[in-house]
C-alpha atoms as a PDB file:
ATOM      1  CA  UNK A   1      24.464  -0.477 -15.424  1.00  0.00           C
ATOM      2  CA  UNK A   2      21.330   2.055 -15.301  1.00  0.00           C
ATOM      3  CA  UNK A   3      20.185   3.901 -12.360  1.00  0.00           C
ATOM      4  CA  UNK A   4      17.504   6.423 -11.597  1.00  0.00           C
ATOM      5  CA  UNK A   5      17.872   9.934 -10.530  1.00  0.00           C
ATOM      6  CA  UNK A   6      15.256  11.952  -8.535  1.00  0.00           C
ATOM      7  CA  UNK A   7      14.472  15.059 -10.664  1.00  0.00           C
ATOM      8  CA  UNK A   8      11.404  15.848  -8.464  1.00  0.00           C
ATOM      9  CA  UNK A   9      10.635  13.430  -5.598  1.00  0.00           C
ATOM     10  CA  UNK A  10       6.638  14.285  -5.589  1.00  0.00           C
ATOM     11  CA  UNK A  11       4.851  14.487  -2.276  1.00  0.00           C
ATOM     12  CA  UNK A  12       6.137  11.229  -0.576  1.00  0.00           C
ATOM     13  CA  UNK A  13       7.927   8.691  -2.510  1.00  0.00           C
ATOM     14  CA  UNK A  14       9.668   5.763  -0.517  1.00  0.00           C
ATOM     15  CA  UNK A  15      11.114   2.489  -1.383  1.00  0.00           C
ATOM     16  CA  UNK A  16       8.937  -0.690  -0.164  1.00  0.00           C
ATOM     17  CA  UNK A  17       8.780  -4.306  -0.275  1.00  0.00           C
ATOM     18  CA  UNK A  18       6.176  -6.098   1.874  1.00  0.00           C
ATOM     19  CA  UNK A  19       7.382  -5.245   5.140  1.00  0.00           C
ATOM     20  CA  UNK A  20       9.637  -6.956   7.889  1.00  0.00           C
ATOM     21  CA  UNK A  21       7.837  -9.053  10.284  1.00  0.00           C
ATOM     22  CA  UNK A  22       8.431 -10.444  13.539  1.00  0.00           C
ATOM     23  CA  UNK A  23       9.990  -7.372  15.570  1.00  0.00           C
ATOM     24  CA  UNK A  24       6.303  -6.096  16.966  1.00  0.00           C
ATOM     25  CA  UNK A  25       7.704  -7.200  20.319  1.00  0.00           C
ATOM     26  CA  UNK A  26      10.294  -4.424  19.767  1.00  0.00           C
ATOM     27  CA  UNK A  27       7.851  -1.953  18.940  1.00  0.00           C
ATOM     28  CA  UNK A  28       8.708  -2.343  14.961  1.00  0.00           C
ATOM     29  CA  UNK A  29       5.537  -2.590  13.173  1.00  0.00           C
ATOM     30  CA  UNK A  30       6.021  -4.330   9.759  1.00  0.00           C
ATOM     31  CA  UNK A  31       5.508  -1.149   7.461  1.00  0.00           C
ATOM     32  CA  UNK A  32       5.793  -2.256   3.861  1.00  0.00           C
ATOM     33  CA  UNK A  33       3.630  -1.259   0.756  1.00  0.00           C
ATOM     34  CA  UNK A  34       0.344   0.449   1.947  1.00  0.00           C
ATOM     35  CA  UNK A  35      -1.568  -1.336  -1.119  1.00  0.00           C
ATOM     36  CA  UNK A  36       0.165  -4.806  -1.259  1.00  0.00           C
ATOM     37  CA  UNK A  37      -1.932  -5.776  -4.156  1.00  0.00           C
ATOM     38  CA  UNK A  38      -0.769  -3.240  -6.624  1.00  0.00           C
ATOM     39  CA  UNK A  39       2.882  -3.528  -5.419  1.00  0.00           C
ATOM     40  CA  UNK A  40       2.834  -7.267  -6.048  1.00  0.00           C
ATOM     41  CA  UNK A  41       1.173  -6.947  -9.261  1.00  0.00           C
ATOM     42  CA  UNK A  42       4.018  -4.474 -10.259  1.00  0.00           C
ATOM     43  CA  UNK A  43       6.830  -6.721  -9.615  1.00  0.00           C
ATOM     44  CA  UNK A  44       5.152  -9.483 -11.348  1.00  0.00           C
ATOM     45  CA  UNK A  45       4.962  -7.586 -14.519  1.00  0.00           C
ATOM     46  CA  UNK A  46       8.449  -6.335 -14.341  1.00  0.00           C
ATOM     47  CA  UNK A  47       9.423 -10.168 -13.829  1.00  0.00           C
ATOM     48  CA  UNK A  48      10.142 -10.027 -10.144  1.00  0.00           C
ATOM     49  CA  UNK A  49       9.665 -11.957  -6.902  1.00  0.00           C
ATOM     50  CA  UNK A  50       6.570 -10.035  -5.491  1.00  0.00           C
ATOM     51  CA  UNK A  51       8.664  -8.934  -2.382  1.00  0.00           C
ATOM     52  CA  UNK A  52      11.374  -7.207  -4.602  1.00  0.00           C
ATOM     53  CA  UNK A  53      12.363  -3.395  -3.658  1.00  0.00           C
ATOM     54  CA  UNK A  54      10.363  -1.002  -5.604  1.00  0.00           C
ATOM     55  CA  UNK A  55       8.653   2.712  -5.438  1.00  0.00           C
ATOM     56  CA  UNK A  56       5.795   3.696  -3.686  1.00  0.00           C
ATOM     57  CA  UNK A  57       4.514   7.293  -4.607  1.00  0.00           C
ATOM     58  CA  UNK A  58       1.390   8.967  -2.703  1.00  0.00           C
ATOM     59  CA  UNK A  59      -0.879  11.708  -4.080  1.00  0.00           C
ATOM     60  CA  UNK A  60       1.702  13.178  -6.568  1.00  0.00           C
ATOM     61  CA  UNK A  61       4.494  11.061  -8.591  1.00  0.00           C
ATOM     62  CA  UNK A  62       8.061  11.416  -8.834  1.00  0.00           C
ATOM     63  CA  UNK A  63      10.112  12.322 -12.211  1.00  0.00           C
ATOM     64  CA  UNK A  64      12.892  10.287 -12.855  1.00  0.00           C
ATOM     65  CA  UNK A  65      15.529  10.370 -15.214  1.00  0.00           C
ATOM     66  CA  UNK A  66      17.339   6.869 -16.218  1.00  0.00           C
ATOM     67  CA  UNK A  67      21.069   7.024 -16.384  1.00  0.00           C
ATOM     68  CA  UNK A  68      23.262   4.730 -18.434  1.00  0.00           C
ATOM     69  CA  UNK A  69      25.243   4.033 -21.308  1.00  0.00           C
ATOM     70  CA  UNK A  70      23.915   4.113 -24.623  1.00  0.00           C
ATOM     71  CA  UNK A  71      24.648   0.206 -25.198  1.00  0.00           C
ATOM     72  CA  UNK A  72      22.837  -0.750 -22.015  1.00  0.00           C
ATOM     73  CA  UNK A  73      19.946  -3.063 -22.489  1.00  0.00           C
ATOM     74  CA  UNK A  74      16.504  -1.287 -21.756  1.00  0.00           C
ATOM     75  CA  UNK A  75      14.807  -2.043 -18.576  1.00  0.00           C
ATOM     76  CA  UNK A  76      11.669  -3.815 -18.267  1.00  0.00           C
ATOM     77  CA  UNK A  77       9.348  -1.893 -15.703  1.00  0.00           C
ATOM     78  CA  UNK A  78       5.840  -1.542 -14.807  1.00  0.00           C
ATOM     79  CA  UNK A  79       3.674   1.205 -12.998  1.00  0.00           C
ATOM     80  CA  UNK A  80       0.485   0.188 -11.271  1.00  0.00           C
ATOM     81  CA  UNK A  81      -2.136   1.385  -8.561  1.00  0.00           C
ATOM     82  CA  UNK A  82      -3.543   4.733  -8.925  1.00  0.00           C
ATOM     83  CA  UNK A  83      -3.196   6.777 -12.291  1.00  0.00           C
ATOM     84  CA  UNK A  84      -0.802   9.649 -11.930  1.00  0.00           C
ATOM     85  CA  UNK A  85      -0.832  10.304 -15.323  1.00  0.00           C
ATOM     86  CA  UNK A  86       2.684   9.051 -16.307  1.00  0.00           C
ATOM     87  CA  UNK A  87       4.536  10.094 -19.228  1.00  0.00           C
ATOM     88  CA  UNK A  88       7.987   8.363 -20.560  1.00  0.00           C
ATOM     89  CA  UNK A  89       9.846  11.373 -22.759  1.00  0.00           C
ATOM     90  CA  UNK A  90       6.062  13.176 -23.341  1.00  0.00           C
ATOM     91  CA  UNK A  91       4.213   9.798 -24.124  1.00  0.00           C
ATOM     92  CA  UNK A  92       1.804   8.477 -21.714  1.00  0.00           C
ATOM     93  CA  UNK A  93       2.566   5.495 -20.182  1.00  0.00           C
ATOM     94  CA  UNK A  94      -0.352   2.758 -19.424  1.00  0.00           C
ATOM     95  CA  UNK A  95      -0.747   1.093 -16.126  1.00  0.00           C
ATOM     96  CA  UNK A  96      -0.763  -2.350 -15.471  1.00  0.00           C
ATOM     97  CA  UNK A  97       1.253  -3.444 -18.166  1.00  0.00           C
ATOM     98  CA  UNK A  98       5.370  -4.386 -18.865  1.00  0.00           C
ATOM     99  CA  UNK A  99       6.722  -1.239 -20.281  1.00  0.00           C
ATOM    100  CA  UNK A 100      10.657  -0.902 -21.918  1.00  0.00           C
ATOM    101  CA  UNK A 101      12.584   2.124 -20.560  1.00  0.00           C
ATOM    102  CA  UNK A 102      15.752   3.130 -22.268  1.00  0.00           C
ATOM    103  CA  UNK A 103      18.799   4.892 -20.774  1.00  0.00           C
ATOM    104  CA  UNK A 104      18.260   8.870 -21.059  1.00  0.00           C
ATOM    105  CA  UNK A 105      14.869   8.691 -20.859  1.00  0.00           C
ATOM    106  CA  UNK A 106      12.633  10.891 -18.203  1.00  0.00           C
ATOM    107  CA  UNK A 107       9.461   9.218 -16.333  1.00  0.00           C
ATOM    108  CA  UNK A 108       7.453  12.029 -15.462  1.00  0.00           C
ATOM    109  CA  UNK A 109       4.296  11.656 -13.050  1.00  0.00           C
ATOM    110  CA  UNK A 110       1.707  14.266 -12.128  1.00  0.00           C
ATOM    111  CA  UNK A 111      -0.938  13.961  -9.287  1.00  0.00           C
ATOM    112  CA  UNK A 112      -3.304  11.018  -8.795  1.00  0.00           C
ATOM    113  CA  UNK A 113      -6.159  10.873 -10.819  1.00  0.00           C
ATOM    114  CA  UNK A 114      -7.745   8.365  -8.929  1.00  0.00           C
ATOM    115  CA  UNK A 115      -6.722   6.740  -5.496  1.00  0.00           C
ATOM    116  CA  UNK A 116      -3.663   7.580  -3.388  1.00  0.00           C
ATOM    117  CA  UNK A 117      -0.674   5.587  -4.332  1.00  0.00           C
ATOM    118  CA  UNK A 118       0.953   4.337  -7.591  1.00  0.00           C
ATOM    119  CA  UNK A 119       3.957   1.659  -7.579  1.00  0.00           C
ATOM    120  CA  UNK A 120       7.018   1.492 -10.126  1.00  0.00           C
ATOM    121  CA  UNK A 121       8.836  -1.632 -10.136  1.00  0.00           C
ATOM    122  CA  UNK A 122      11.857  -2.237 -12.544  1.00  0.00           C
ATOM    123  CA  UNK A 123      13.368  -6.070 -13.382  1.00  0.00           C
ATOM    124  CA  UNK A 124      15.679  -6.679 -10.858  1.00  0.00           C
ATOM    125  CA  UNK A 125      14.445  -4.490  -8.517  1.00  0.00           C
ATOM    126  CA  UNK A 126      16.543  -1.630  -6.673  1.00  0.00           C
ATOM    127  CA  UNK A 127      19.527  -2.258  -5.196  1.00  0.00           C
ATOM    128  CA  UNK A 128      18.775  -1.380  -1.615  1.00  0.00           C
ATOM    129  CA  UNK A 129      20.519  -2.480   1.830  1.00  0.00           C
ATOM    130  CA  UNK A 130      17.828  -4.670   4.010  1.00  0.00           C
ATOM    131  CA  UNK A 131      17.505  -3.357   8.015  1.00  0.00           C
ATOM    132  CA  UNK A 132      16.053  -6.351   9.687  1.00  0.00           C
ATOM    133  CA  UNK A 133      15.431  -8.304   6.870  1.00  0.00           C
ATOM    134  CA  UNK A 134      13.378  -5.860   4.887  1.00  0.00           C
ATOM    135  CA  UNK A 135      14.106  -3.229   2.540  1.00  0.00           C
ATOM    136  CA  UNK A 136      10.778  -1.022   3.389  1.00  0.00           C
ATOM    137  CA  UNK A 137      11.255   2.613   4.587  1.00  0.00           C
ATOM    138  CA  UNK A 138       9.698   3.153   8.210  1.00  0.00           C
ATOM    139  CA  UNK A 139       9.078   6.730   7.998  1.00  0.00           C
ATOM    140  CA  UNK A 140       8.615   6.721  11.530  1.00  0.00           C
ATOM    141  CA  UNK A 141      11.486   5.240  12.791  1.00  0.00           C
ATOM    142  CA  UNK A 142      13.966   6.614  10.152  1.00  0.00           C
ATOM    143  CA  UNK A 143      15.213   3.426   9.219  1.00  0.00           C
ATOM    144  CA  UNK A 144      14.946   1.203   6.080  1.00  0.00           C
ATOM    145  CA  UNK A 145      14.685   1.810   2.085  1.00  0.00           C
ATOM    146  CA  UNK A 146      16.929   4.856   1.218  1.00  0.00           C
ATOM    147  CA  UNK A 147      18.504   6.696   4.211  1.00  0.00           C
ATOM    148  CA  UNK A 148      15.213   6.016   6.211  1.00  0.00           C
ATOM    149  CA  UNK A 149      13.285   8.690   4.576  1.00  0.00           C
ATOM    150  CA  UNK A 150      11.188   9.859   1.580  1.00  0.00           C
ATOM    151  CA  UNK A 151      12.992  10.597  -1.638  1.00  0.00           C
ATOM    152  CA  UNK A 152      14.510  14.000  -2.395  1.00  0.00           C
ATOM    153  CA  UNK A 153      15.419  15.632  -5.386  1.00  0.00           C
ATOM    154  CA  UNK A 154      19.360  14.583  -6.545  1.00  0.00           C
ATOM    155  CA  UNK A 155      18.835  10.950  -5.049  1.00  0.00           C
ATOM    156  CA  UNK A 156      20.293   8.118  -7.197  1.00  0.00           C
ATOM    157  CA  UNK A 157      19.224   4.596  -6.692  1.00  0.00           C
ATOM    158  CA  UNK A 158      20.912   1.929  -8.402  1.00  0.00           C
ATOM    159  CA  UNK A 159      19.152  -0.834 -10.261  1.00  0.00           C
ATOM    160  CA  UNK A 160      20.356  -4.343  -9.295  1.00  0.00           C
ATOM    161  CA  UNK A 161      22.021  -6.059 -12.272  1.00  0.00           C
ATOM    162  CA  UNK A 162      21.461  -9.496 -11.069  1.00  0.00           C
ATOM    163  CA  UNK A 163      18.887 -11.366 -13.642  1.00  0.00           C
ATOM    164  CA  UNK A 164      16.274 -12.932 -12.315  1.00  0.00           C
ATOM    165  CA  UNK A 165      14.379 -16.077 -13.675  1.00  0.00           C
ATOM    166  CA  UNK A 166      11.011 -15.246 -12.685  1.00  0.00           C
ATOM    167  CA  UNK A 167       7.982 -15.831 -15.106  1.00  0.00           C
ATOM    168  CA  UNK A 168       6.458 -12.376 -16.113  1.00  0.00           C
ATOM    169  CA  UNK A 169       3.056 -11.560 -17.539  1.00  0.00           C
ATOM    170  CA  UNK A 170       3.004  -8.786 -20.044  1.00  0.00           C
ATOM    171  CA  UNK A 171      -0.042  -7.241 -18.391  1.00  0.00           C
ATOM    172  CA  UNK A 172      -3.200  -8.357 -16.004  1.00  0.00           C
ATOM    173  CA  UNK A 173      -6.925  -8.269 -16.971  1.00  0.00           C
ATOM    174  CA  UNK A 174      -8.704  -4.912 -16.660  1.00  0.00           C
ATOM    175  CA  UNK A 175     -11.753  -7.233 -15.289  1.00  0.00           C
ATOM    176  CA  UNK A 176      -8.987  -8.203 -11.983  1.00  0.00           C
ATOM    177  CA  UNK A 177      -8.081  -4.498 -11.764  1.00  0.00           C
ATOM    178  CA  UNK A 178     -11.725  -3.065 -11.627  1.00  0.00           C
ATOM    179  CA  UNK A 179     -12.218  -5.711  -9.076  1.00  0.00           C
ATOM    180  CA  UNK A 180      -9.420  -4.528  -6.701  1.00  0.00           C
ATOM    181  CA  UNK A 181      -9.786  -0.967  -7.330  1.00  0.00           C
ATOM    182  CA  UNK A 182     -12.971  -0.533  -5.693  1.00  0.00           C
ATOM    183  CA  UNK A 183     -12.486   1.008  -2.406  1.00  0.00           C
ATOM    184  CA  UNK A 184     -15.565   2.758  -0.992  1.00  0.00           C
ATOM    185  CA  UNK A 185     -16.599  -0.543   1.015  1.00  0.00           C
ATOM    186  CA  UNK A 186     -14.495  -1.911   3.720  1.00  0.00           C
ATOM    187  CA  UNK A 187     -15.432  -5.495   5.007  1.00  0.00           C
ATOM    188  CA  UNK A 188     -14.998  -6.004   8.590  1.00  0.00           C
ATOM    189  CA  UNK A 189     -15.351  -8.734  11.101  1.00  0.00           C
ATOM    190  CA  UNK A 190     -15.817  -8.120  15.085  1.00  0.00           C
ATOM    191  CA  UNK A 191     -13.058  -7.024  16.737  1.00  0.00           C
ATOM    192  CA  UNK A 192     -11.683  -8.135  20.399  1.00  0.00           C
ATOM    193  CA  UNK A 193     -13.605  -5.468  22.267  1.00  0.00           C
ATOM    194  CA  UNK A 194     -16.961  -5.730  20.539  1.00  0.00           C
ATOM    195  CA  UNK A 195     -18.549  -6.681  23.465  1.00  0.00           C
ATOM    196  CA  UNK A 196     -17.635  -3.315  25.115  1.00  0.00           C
ATOM    197  CA  UNK A 197     -20.246  -1.471  22.785  1.00  0.00           C
ATOM    198  CA  UNK A 198     -24.088  -1.734  22.757  1.00  0.00           C
ATOM    199  CA  UNK A 199     -25.446  -4.602  20.589  1.00  0.00           C
ATOM    200  CA  UNK A 200     -26.472  -2.345  17.986  1.00  0.00           C
ATOM    201  CA  UNK A 201     -23.000  -0.733  17.422  1.00  0.00           C
ATOM    202  CA  UNK A 202     -21.849  -2.960  14.683  1.00  0.00           C
ATOM    203  CA  UNK A 203     -25.172  -2.481  12.993  1.00  0.00           C
ATOM    204  CA  UNK A 204     -24.642   1.362  13.179  1.00  0.00           C
ATOM    205  CA  UNK A 205     -21.239   1.269  12.352  1.00  0.00           C
ATOM    206  CA  UNK A 206     -22.182  -0.567   9.127  1.00  0.00           C
ATOM    207  CA  UNK A 207     -25.134   1.653   8.348  1.00  0.00           C
ATOM    208  CA  UNK A 208     -23.106   4.946   8.262  1.00  0.00           C
ATOM    209  CA  UNK A 209     -20.738   6.667   5.903  1.00  0.00           C
ATOM    210  CA  UNK A 210     -17.708   8.019   7.225  1.00  0.00           C
ATOM    211  CA  UNK A 211     -15.280  10.412   5.509  1.00  0.00           C
ATOM    212  CA  UNK A 212     -11.078   9.839   5.579  1.00  0.00           C
ATOM    213  CA  UNK A 213      -9.602  13.078   7.173  1.00  0.00           C
ATOM    214  CA  UNK A 214      -6.503  15.066   6.237  1.00  0.00           C
ATOM    215  CA  UNK A 215      -4.689  13.869   9.545  1.00  0.00           C
ATOM    216  CA  UNK A 216      -4.390  10.469   8.027  1.00  0.00           C
ATOM    217  CA  UNK A 217      -1.203   8.983   7.347  1.00  0.00           C
ATOM    218  CA  UNK A 218       0.720   5.869   7.219  1.00  0.00           C
ATOM    219  CA  UNK A 219       0.278   4.893  10.969  1.00  0.00           C
ATOM    220  CA  UNK A 220      -3.601   5.283  11.114  1.00  0.00           C
ATOM    221  CA  UNK A 221      -6.487   6.546   8.900  1.00  0.00           C
ATOM    222  CA  UNK A 222      -8.626   8.436  10.705  1.00  0.00           C
ATOM    223  CA  UNK A 223     -12.472   8.741   9.842  1.00  0.00           C
ATOM    224  CA  UNK A 224     -14.799  11.389  10.517  1.00  0.00           C
ATOM    225  CA  UNK A 225     -19.025  10.707  11.061  1.00  0.00           C
ATOM    226  CA  UNK A 226     -21.351   9.743  13.570  1.00  0.00           C
ATOM    227  CA  UNK A 227     -19.906   8.571  16.791  1.00  0.00           C
ATOM    228  CA  UNK A 228     -19.372   5.277  18.041  1.00  0.00           C
ATOM    229  CA  UNK A 229     -19.104   4.940  21.765  1.00  0.00           C
ATOM    230  CA  UNK A 230     -18.549   1.959  24.164  1.00  0.00           C
ATOM    231  CA  UNK A 231     -21.310   1.128  26.789  1.00  0.00           C
ATOM    232  CA  UNK A 232     -18.777   1.641  29.741  1.00  0.00           C
ATOM    233  CA  UNK A 233     -15.757   3.764  30.555  1.00  0.00           C
ATOM    234  CA  UNK A 234     -13.364   1.033  31.243  1.00  0.00           C
ATOM    235  CA  UNK A 235      -9.892   1.588  30.692  1.00  0.00           C
ATOM    236  CA  UNK A 236      -8.408  -0.930  28.122  1.00  0.00           C
ATOM    237  CA  UNK A 237      -4.855  -2.360  29.311  1.00  0.00           C
ATOM    238  CA  UNK A 238      -2.616  -2.013  26.410  1.00  0.00           C
ATOM    239  CA  UNK A 239      -2.540  -4.806  24.094  1.00  0.00           C
ATOM    240  CA  UNK A 240      -1.183  -5.514  20.557  1.00  0.00           C
ATOM    241  CA  UNK A 241      -2.712  -4.004  17.716  1.00  0.00           C
ATOM    242  CA  UNK A 242      -3.554  -5.691  14.140  1.00  0.00           C
ATOM    243  CA  UNK A 243      -3.349  -4.114  10.771  1.00  0.00           C
ATOM    244  CA  UNK A 244      -6.623  -2.851   9.713  1.00  0.00           C
ATOM    245  CA  UNK A 245      -7.919  -2.834  13.496  1.00  0.00           C
ATOM    246  CA  UNK A 246     -10.732  -0.350  14.026  1.00  0.00           C
ATOM    247  CA  UNK A 247     -10.036   1.519  17.081  1.00  0.00           C
ATOM    248  CA  UNK A 248     -12.506   3.711  18.738  1.00  0.00           C
ATOM    249  CA  UNK A 249     -10.806   6.543  20.732  1.00  0.00           C
ATOM    250  CA  UNK A 250     -12.705   8.729  23.335  1.00  0.00           C
ATOM    251  CA  UNK A 251     -14.186  11.164  20.794  1.00  0.00           C
ATOM    252  CA  UNK A 252     -15.976   8.102  19.113  1.00  0.00           C
ATOM    253  CA  UNK A 253     -14.266   8.764  15.495  1.00  0.00           C
ATOM    254  CA  UNK A 254     -12.936   5.413  14.428  1.00  0.00           C
ATOM    255  CA  UNK A 255      -8.994   5.372  13.539  1.00  0.00           C
ATOM    256  CA  UNK A 256      -8.092   2.260  11.278  1.00  0.00           C
ATOM    257  CA  UNK A 257      -4.760   0.919  12.251  1.00  0.00           C
ATOM    258  CA  UNK A 258      -2.243   0.988   9.151  1.00  0.00           C
ATOM    259  CA  UNK A 259       0.879   0.084   8.017  1.00  0.00           C
ATOM    260  CA  UNK A 260       3.201   1.783  10.487  1.00  0.00           C
ATOM    261  CA  UNK A 261       0.911   1.523  13.241  1.00  0.00           C
ATOM    262  CA  UNK A 262       1.903   1.560  16.707  1.00  0.00           C
ATOM    263  CA  UNK A 263       2.208  -2.280  17.794  1.00  0.00           C
ATOM    264  CA  UNK A 264       0.403  -1.845  20.889  1.00  0.00           C
ATOM    265  CA  UNK A 265      -2.702   0.652  22.015  1.00  0.00           C
ATOM    266  CA  UNK A 266      -5.401   1.156  24.602  1.00  0.00           C
ATOM    267  CA  UNK A 267      -8.212   1.905  22.598  1.00  0.00           C
ATOM    268  CA  UNK A 268     -11.045  -0.494  22.316  1.00  0.00           C
ATOM    269  CA  UNK A 269     -11.192  -2.166  18.875  1.00  0.00           C
ATOM    270  CA  UNK A 270     -14.815  -2.710  17.558  1.00  0.00           C
ATOM    271  CA  UNK A 271     -13.758  -4.463  14.301  1.00  0.00           C
ATOM    272  CA  UNK A 272     -10.909  -5.460  11.984  1.00  0.00           C
ATOM    273  CA  UNK A 273     -10.867  -5.055   8.185  1.00  0.00           C
ATOM    274  CA  UNK A 274     -10.458  -8.160   6.476  1.00  0.00           C
ATOM    275  CA  UNK A 275      -7.149  -9.488   4.896  1.00  0.00           C
ATOM    276  CA  UNK A 276      -8.604  -9.236   1.306  1.00  0.00           C
ATOM    277  CA  UNK A 277      -9.359  -5.461   1.745  1.00  0.00           C
ATOM    278  CA  UNK A 278      -6.043  -4.286   3.334  1.00  0.00           C
ATOM    279  CA  UNK A 279      -4.981  -3.111  -0.271  1.00  0.00           C
ATOM    280  CA  UNK A 280      -7.998  -0.952  -0.469  1.00  0.00           C
ATOM    281  CA  UNK A 281      -7.138   1.246   2.622  1.00  0.00           C
ATOM    282  CA  UNK A 282      -3.755   2.049   0.514  1.00  0.00           C
ATOM    283  CA  UNK A 283      -5.732   3.645  -2.064  1.00  0.00           C
ATOM    284  CA  UNK A 284      -7.720   5.877   0.197  1.00  0.00           C
ATOM    285  CA  UNK A 285      -7.424   9.724   0.080  1.00  0.00           C
ATOM    286  CA  UNK A 286      -8.317  12.274   2.167  1.00  0.00           C
ATOM    287  CA  UNK A 287     -11.969  13.265   1.874  1.00  0.00           C
ATOM    288  CA  UNK A 288     -12.718   9.892   0.063  1.00  0.00           C
ATOM    289  CA  UNK A 289     -16.300   8.258   1.677  1.00  0.00           C
ATOM    290  CA  UNK A 290     -16.273   4.756   2.935  1.00  0.00           C
ATOM    291  CA  UNK A 291     -18.721   2.062   4.494  1.00  0.00           C
ATOM    292  CA  UNK A 292     -18.221  -0.791   6.315  1.00  0.00           C
ATOM    293  CA  UNK A 293     -19.849  -4.127   5.872  1.00  0.00           C
ATOM    294  CA  UNK A 294     -19.782  -7.088   8.071  1.00  0.00           C
ATOM    295  CA  UNK A 295     -18.614 -10.578   7.190  1.00  0.00           C
ATOM    296  CA  UNK A 296     -18.110 -13.682   9.144  1.00  0.00           C
ATOM    297  CA  UNK A 297     -14.613 -15.036   9.908  1.00  0.00           C
ATOM    298  CA  UNK A 298     -15.144 -18.088   7.683  1.00  0.00           C
ATOM    299  CA  UNK A 299     -16.599 -15.467   4.764  1.00  0.00           C
ATOM    300  CA  UNK A 300     -13.486 -13.613   5.306  1.00  0.00           C
ATOM    301  CA  UNK A 301     -11.321 -16.293   4.631  1.00  0.00           C
ATOM    302  CA  UNK A 302     -13.278 -17.654   1.513  1.00  0.00           C
ATOM    303  CA  UNK A 303     -12.856 -13.971   0.510  1.00  0.00           C
ATOM    304  CA  UNK A 304      -8.726 -14.138   0.573  1.00  0.00           C
ATOM    305  CA  UNK A 305      -8.574 -17.720  -1.119  1.00  0.00           C
ATOM    306  CA  UNK A 306     -10.588 -16.449  -4.022  1.00  0.00           C
ATOM    307  CA  UNK A 307      -8.683 -13.174  -4.406  1.00  0.00           C
ATOM    308  CA  UNK A 308      -5.434 -15.287  -4.628  1.00  0.00           C
ATOM    309  CA  UNK A 309      -6.790 -17.452  -6.999  1.00  0.00           C
ATOM    310  CA  UNK A 310      -8.107 -14.677  -9.113  1.00  0.00           C
ATOM    311  CA  UNK A 311      -4.817 -12.728  -8.890  1.00  0.00           C
ATOM    312  CA  UNK A 312      -3.087 -16.257 -10.426  1.00  0.00           C
ATOM    313  CA  UNK A 313      -5.429 -16.552 -13.217  1.00  0.00           C
ATOM    314  CA  UNK A 314      -5.597 -12.885 -13.972  1.00  0.00           C
ATOM    315  CA  UNK A 315      -1.926 -12.911 -14.702  1.00  0.00           C
ATOM    316  CA  UNK A 316      -1.632 -16.302 -16.511  1.00  0.00           C
ATOM    317  CA  UNK A 317      -4.476 -15.726 -19.096  1.00  0.00           C
ATOM    318  CA  UNK A 318      -3.068 -12.823 -20.606  1.00  0.00           C
END
């Protein structure tokens, strides 16, 4: 059996899946992969179900040593997401395609050269106990994943030896990768408190560029730019907050609710990032510039369906 030993953890490396759902009433958000699209593709390329536990690396990658016996079969694995200049025993490793790793080899990653996060999946997945039905690490709550925290030097993760019968693609089309890697524009629909703002507010929001601040994390993405303020000073009764909601706090600087969000909040929500663009949030880095683009609910549904169809086609055609 092959296991991986963490020689260097990087800035923040965690075990994730697609999240735990159904516990918002207990104050527990879904968590899960910040870029669910790259995560799903990594698992598909490794021959796994899309929800199989894998590693999410943020800004700087890990150095991983693969322990096992010389006669152990090589691992099928895949790296997706941002380019962390990965090398396997000093040889560059390609992104977005299946790779083979033997016992005794070392996978070393550096800092990102593109977006914020890289995903590493291995066939059969990591052997991680589930909490509330999910293996995802919830950093704020200190549970899930590996000991409820980011990986540290010396951690050892076992790889599940159970063979799975998922049909695997060896790589994904470069055209699809280019399409999903665009992150400078976030498409939005009107939020539940849009009528709290002047009629021109959505147009103004979409006409301006914002920068992601260093205060951003998996709880929320904080933007800085021209202020957007409500037309009255009423206090909002605390209510549920959805992933991708664009909240406007008293200082007028937008906050985008992210994967480890508080499940309720009291800031008015002027808009919501559409489902087809939620993966883009996971690749935003501090000082990245973003702009918003308004679409209708019907367009948002169509864009999501088209994206899913394109994903299946991109995996099947290569």
